[in-house]
Amino acid sequence: MWKQLLDFGKRLTSLVQKAQQHEDDIKHLQLHEARQDERIDKLAEAIQQLAFALQHDRDMSARDRENLLLRLENALLRFEQRLPASANEDNAIDSN
């Protein structure tokens, strides 16, 4: 009978130790999961910032292209005003 009681005590002690180890493992996994969630949140924030920066860059590039086209058009208009009238234009003007 004492032997059975001693075996029962050993089993009970073993089960309590295993339960404690499982609780510790669960806490460790929860902490690891929380850290992983923080990393995911930081990564999502970085992706959002990158998307914003890319959109801003696209907007600036489009604005720069439009600005260059306007400058080119302006330069062409100035150049055309400096040219003397062509012979065809002179004849057309003289005919009128």
Protein backbone atom coordinates (compact mmCIF):
# COMPACT_ATOMS: atom_id res chain seq x y z
CA MET A 1 0.00 0.00 0.00
CA TRP A 2 2.83 2.43 0.84
CA LYS A 3 4.42 1.58 -2.45
CA GLN A 4 1.24 2.50 -4.34
CA LEU A 5 0.97 5.73 -2.37
CA LEU A 6 4.62 6.53 -3.13
CA ASP A 7 4.07 5.81 -6.86
CA PHE A 8 0.98 8.01 -6.80
CA GLY A 9 2.99 10.81 -5.17
CA LYS A 10 5.73 10.48 -7.80
CA ARG A 11 3.16 10.61 -10.60
CA LEU A 12 1.45 13.60 -9.03
CA THR A 13 4.80 15.41 -8.65
CA SER A 14 5.69 14.56 -12.24
CA LEU A 15 2.33 15.85 -13.50
CA VAL A 16 2.68 19.09 -11.51
CA GLN A 17 6.18 19.61 -12.95
CA LYS A 18 4.93 18.93 -16.48
CA ALA A 19 2.00 21.31 -15.97
CA GLN A 20 4.41 24.00 -14.73
CA GLN A 21 6.69 23.39 -17.72
CA HIS A 22 3.71 23.68 -20.07
CA GLU A 23 2.66 26.95 -18.45
CA ASP A 24 6.20 28.29 -18.86
CA ASP A 25 6.24 27.17 -22.50
CA ILE A 26 2.89 28.86 -23.12
CA LYS A 27 4.15 32.13 -21.58
CA HIS A 28 7.29 31.92 -23.71
CA LEU A 29 5.24 31.34 -26.86
CA GLN A 30 2.88 34.20 -26.01
CA LEU A 31 5.83 36.53 -25.50
CA HIS A 32 7.35 35.37 -28.78
CA GLU A 33 4.02 35.91 -30.55
CA ALA A 34 3.70 39.41 -29.07
CA ARG A 35 7.19 40.30 -30.32
CA GLN A 36 6.33 38.92 -33.73
CA ASP A 37 3.15 41.01 -33.81
CA GLU A 38 5.23 44.11 -33.00
CA ARG A 39 7.60 43.29 -35.86
CA ILE A 40 4.68 42.81 -38.23
CA ASP A 41 3.21 46.15 -37.16
CA LYS A 42 6.55 47.87 -37.73
CA LEU A 43 6.88 46.20 -41.13
CA ALA A 44 3.36 47.29 -42.11
CA GLU A 45 4.17 50.85 -41.06
CA ALA A 46 7.39 50.79 -43.09
CA ILE A 47 5.47 49.52 -46.12
CA GLN A 48 2.92 52.31 -45.75
CA GLN A 49 5.69 54.90 -45.53
CA LEU A 50 7.35 53.42 -48.60
CA ALA A 51 4.07 53.48 -50.53
CA PHE A 52 3.57 57.12 -49.54
CA ALA A 53 7.12 57.97 -50.63
CA LEU A 54 6.63 56.21 -53.97
CA GLN A 55 3.36 58.04 -54.61
CA HIS A 56 5.02 61.33 -53.72
CA ASP A 57 7.89 60.51 -56.09
CA ARG A 58 5.44 59.71 -58.89
CA ASP A 59 3.62 62.98 -58.31
CA MET A 60 6.87 64.94 -58.31
CA SER A 61 8.05 63.19 -61.49
CA ALA A 62 4.79 63.98 -63.27
CA ARG A 63 5.03 67.59 -62.16
CA ASP A 64 8.66 67.76 -63.31
CA ARG A 65 7.76 66.33 -66.74
CA GLU A 66 4.93 68.83 -67.12
CA ASN A 67 7.26 71.64 -66.08
CA LEU A 68 9.89 70.53 -68.63
CA LEU A 69 7.28 70.37 -71.37
CA LEU A 70 6.12 73.89 -70.55
CA ARG A 71 9.70 75.14 -70.58
CA LEU A 72 10.30 73.49 -73.95
CA GLU A 73 7.11 74.97 -75.36
CA ASN A 74 8.11 78.37 -74.00
CA ALA A 75 11.58 78.10 -75.51
CA LEU A 76 10.13 77.09 -78.89
CA LEU A 77 7.70 80.01 -78.84
CA ARG A 78 10.53 82.43 -78.03
CA PHE A 79 12.67 80.92 -80.79
CA GLU A 80 9.86 81.23 -83.34
CA GLN A 81 9.41 84.90 -82.48
CA ARG A 82 13.10 85.57 -83.19
CA LEU A 83 13.07 83.98 -86.66
CA PRO A 84 12.56 86.29 -89.63
CA ALA A 85 9.51 85.62 -91.73
CA SER A 86 10.07 82.94 -94.36
CA ALA A 87 9.89 83.64 -98.11
CA ASN A 88 6.50 81.94 -98.37
CA GLU A 89 5.17 84.11 -95.58
CA ASP A 90 6.59 87.24 -97.27
CA ASN A 91 4.86 86.35 -100.53
CA ALA A 92 1.60 85.69 -98.72
CA ILE A 93 1.85 89.01 -96.94
CA ASP A 94 2.73 90.89 -100.16
CA SER A 95 -0.18 89.29 -102.03
CA ASN A 96 -2.70 90.64 -99.56
